[in-house]
Amino acid sequence: MGIAVQRTGATSYDYVNRAGSFLYEPAGSVHTLQCVEDNTRVWFHMTGSNINLDEAGNITSVTDGGLTLEFYLAMCEQQGLPRPNVLVG
């Protein structure tokens, strides 16, 4: 499960979320976050694990908040971006 609170404008679906918007994403949600305003800020809260299945119902991957954060930090480093100041707990 994912929860996002928009601090500034962004879109992931057919509509634009504006500052203060709240978005709940159940398992299986597929989208690409696009920022439509400069300096877009989004707060994400991930709970539990995301289990991905193939057409036959076999588990293909399992991710959670910790693994997602590791991937995000690795992508920042790979692109030469500074390590962001993120909160974890």
C-alpha atoms as a PDB file:
ATOM      1  CA  MET A   1       0.000   0.000   0.000  1.00  0.00           C
ATOM      2  CA  GLY A   2       1.253   3.464  -0.771  1.00  0.00           C
ATOM      3  CA  ILE A   3       0.099   6.833   0.477  1.00  0.00           C
ATOM      4  CA  ALA A   4       1.222  10.117  -1.047  1.00  0.00           C
ATOM      5  CA  VAL A   5       0.552  13.641   0.150  1.00  0.00           C
ATOM      6  CA  GLN A   6       1.231  16.319  -2.433  1.00  0.00           C
ATOM      7  CA  ARG A   7       3.142  19.362  -1.256  1.00  0.00           C
ATOM      8  CA  THR A   8       3.036  20.917  -4.763  1.00  0.00           C
ATOM      9  CA  GLY A   9       1.550  19.866  -8.135  1.00  0.00           C
ATOM     10  CA  ALA A  10       2.177  16.426  -9.602  1.00  0.00           C
ATOM     11  CA  THR A  11       0.285  13.880 -11.646  1.00  0.00           C
ATOM     12  CA  SER A  12       0.382  10.115 -11.863  1.00  0.00           C
ATOM     13  CA  TYR A  13      -2.967   9.401 -13.461  1.00  0.00           C
ATOM     14  CA  ASP A  14      -5.484  11.159 -15.731  1.00  0.00           C
ATOM     15  CA  TYR A  15      -5.767  14.049 -13.263  1.00  0.00           C
ATOM     16  CA  VAL A  16      -3.394  16.455 -11.547  1.00  0.00           C
ATOM     17  CA  ASN A  17      -2.954  16.408  -7.792  1.00  0.00           C
ATOM     18  CA  ARG A  18      -2.391  19.847  -6.330  1.00  0.00           C
ATOM     19  CA  ALA A  19      -0.854  20.980  -3.058  1.00  0.00           C
ATOM     20  CA  GLY A  20      -2.667  19.294  -0.184  1.00  0.00           C
ATOM     21  CA  SER A  21      -4.017  16.417  -2.295  1.00  0.00           C
ATOM     22  CA  PHE A  22      -4.090  12.964  -0.724  1.00  0.00           C
ATOM     23  CA  LEU A  23      -3.639   9.849  -2.860  1.00  0.00           C
ATOM     24  CA  TYR A  24      -4.124   6.246  -1.763  1.00  0.00           C
ATOM     25  CA  GLU A  25      -2.634   3.575  -4.022  1.00  0.00           C
ATOM     26  CA  PRO A  26      -3.683  -0.030  -3.484  1.00  0.00           C
ATOM     27  CA  ALA A  27      -1.545  -2.932  -4.648  1.00  0.00           C
ATOM     28  CA  GLY A  28      -1.456  -3.245  -8.428  1.00  0.00           C
ATOM     29  CA  SER A  29      -1.457   0.489  -9.115  1.00  0.00           C
ATOM     30  CA  VAL A  30       0.628   1.245 -12.195  1.00  0.00           C
ATOM     31  CA  HIS A  31       1.683   4.772 -13.101  1.00  0.00           C
ATOM     32  CA  THR A  32       4.574   7.151 -13.625  1.00  0.00           C
ATOM     33  CA  LEU A  33       4.896  10.202 -11.396  1.00  0.00           C
ATOM     34  CA  GLN A  34       5.212  13.374 -13.465  1.00  0.00           C
ATOM     35  CA  CYS A  35       5.962  16.734 -11.864  1.00  0.00           C
ATOM     36  CA  VAL A  36       4.027  19.581 -13.462  1.00  0.00           C
ATOM     37  CA  GLU A  37       5.355  22.376 -11.259  1.00  0.00           C
ATOM     38  CA  ASP A  38       8.914  23.401 -10.420  1.00  0.00           C
ATOM     39  CA  ASN A  39      10.209  22.189  -7.052  1.00  0.00           C
ATOM     40  CA  THR A  40       7.467  19.587  -6.673  1.00  0.00           C
ATOM     41  CA  ARG A  41       7.463  17.940  -3.259  1.00  0.00           C
ATOM     42  CA  VAL A  42       5.671  14.702  -2.478  1.00  0.00           C
ATOM     43  CA  TRP A  43       5.699  12.755   0.772  1.00  0.00           C
ATOM     44  CA  PHE A  44       5.343   8.986   0.403  1.00  0.00           C
ATOM     45  CA  HIS A  45       4.520   6.477   3.100  1.00  0.00           C
ATOM     46  CA  MET A  46       4.858   2.797   2.234  1.00  0.00           C
ATOM     47  CA  THR A  47       3.395   0.046   4.381  1.00  0.00           C
ATOM     48  CA  GLY A  48       3.915  -3.666   3.963  1.00  0.00           C
ATOM     49  CA  SER A  49       5.365  -5.493   1.000  1.00  0.00           C
ATOM     50  CA  ASN A  50       4.512  -5.249  -2.679  1.00  0.00           C
ATOM     51  CA  ILE A  51       4.409  -8.737  -4.193  1.00  0.00           C
ATOM     52  CA  ASN A  52       4.519  -8.864  -7.998  1.00  0.00           C
ATOM     53  CA  LEU A  53       3.076 -11.889  -9.802  1.00  0.00           C
ATOM     54  CA  ASP A  54       3.304 -13.151 -13.359  1.00  0.00           C
ATOM     55  CA  GLU A  55       0.278 -14.278 -15.402  1.00  0.00           C
ATOM     56  CA  ALA A  56       0.435 -17.748 -13.822  1.00  0.00           C
ATOM     57  CA  GLY A  57       0.383 -16.343 -10.282  1.00  0.00           C
ATOM     58  CA  ASN A  58       4.045 -17.019  -9.551  1.00  0.00           C
ATOM     59  CA  ILE A  59       5.918 -14.490  -7.427  1.00  0.00           C
ATOM     60  CA  THR A  60       8.377 -12.558  -9.596  1.00  0.00           C
ATOM     61  CA  SER A  61       9.569 -10.012  -7.022  1.00  0.00           C
ATOM     62  CA  VAL A  62       8.919  -8.651  -3.563  1.00  0.00           C
ATOM     63  CA  THR A  63       9.655  -5.044  -2.592  1.00  0.00           C
ATOM     64  CA  ASP A  64       9.066  -2.940   0.494  1.00  0.00           C
ATOM     65  CA  GLY A  65       9.838   0.549   1.740  1.00  0.00           C
ATOM     66  CA  GLY A  66      13.432  -0.263   2.715  1.00  0.00           C
ATOM     67  CA  LEU A  67      14.260  -1.820  -0.651  1.00  0.00           C
ATOM     68  CA  THR A  68      12.592   1.076  -2.480  1.00  0.00           C
ATOM     69  CA  LEU A  69      14.683   3.573  -0.496  1.00  0.00           C
ATOM     70  CA  GLU A  70      17.893   1.635  -1.260  1.00  0.00           C
ATOM     71  CA  PHE A  71      17.032   1.676  -4.974  1.00  0.00           C
ATOM     72  CA  TYR A  72      16.200   5.406  -4.894  1.00  0.00           C
ATOM     73  CA  LEU A  73      19.477   6.297  -3.180  1.00  0.00           C
ATOM     74  CA  ALA A  74      21.448   4.130  -5.633  1.00  0.00           C
ATOM     75  CA  MET A  75      19.763   5.869  -8.592  1.00  0.00           C
ATOM     76  CA  CYS A  76      20.599   9.291  -7.115  1.00  0.00           C
ATOM     77  CA  GLU A  77      24.242   8.252  -6.755  1.00  0.00           C
ATOM     78  CA  GLN A  78      24.354   6.778 -10.262  1.00  0.00           C
ATOM     79  CA  GLN A  79      23.071  10.063 -11.709  1.00  0.00           C
ATOM     80  CA  GLY A  80      25.514  12.159  -9.680  1.00  0.00           C
ATOM     81  CA  LEU A  81      22.795  13.649  -7.492  1.00  0.00           C
ATOM     82  CA  PRO A  82      23.456  14.408  -3.810  1.00  0.00           C
ATOM     83  CA  ARG A  83      22.048  12.025  -1.239  1.00  0.00           C
ATOM     84  CA  PRO A  84      18.675  13.530  -0.316  1.00  0.00           C
ATOM     85  CA  ASN A  85      17.745  14.225   3.281  1.00  0.00           C
ATOM     86  CA  VAL A  86      14.992  11.641   3.782  1.00  0.00           C
ATOM     87  CA  LEU A  87      13.206  10.508   6.921  1.00  0.00           C
ATOM     88  CA  VAL A  88      12.959   6.827   7.766  1.00  0.00           C
ATOM     89  CA  GLY A  89      11.637   5.141  10.810  1.00  0.00           C
END
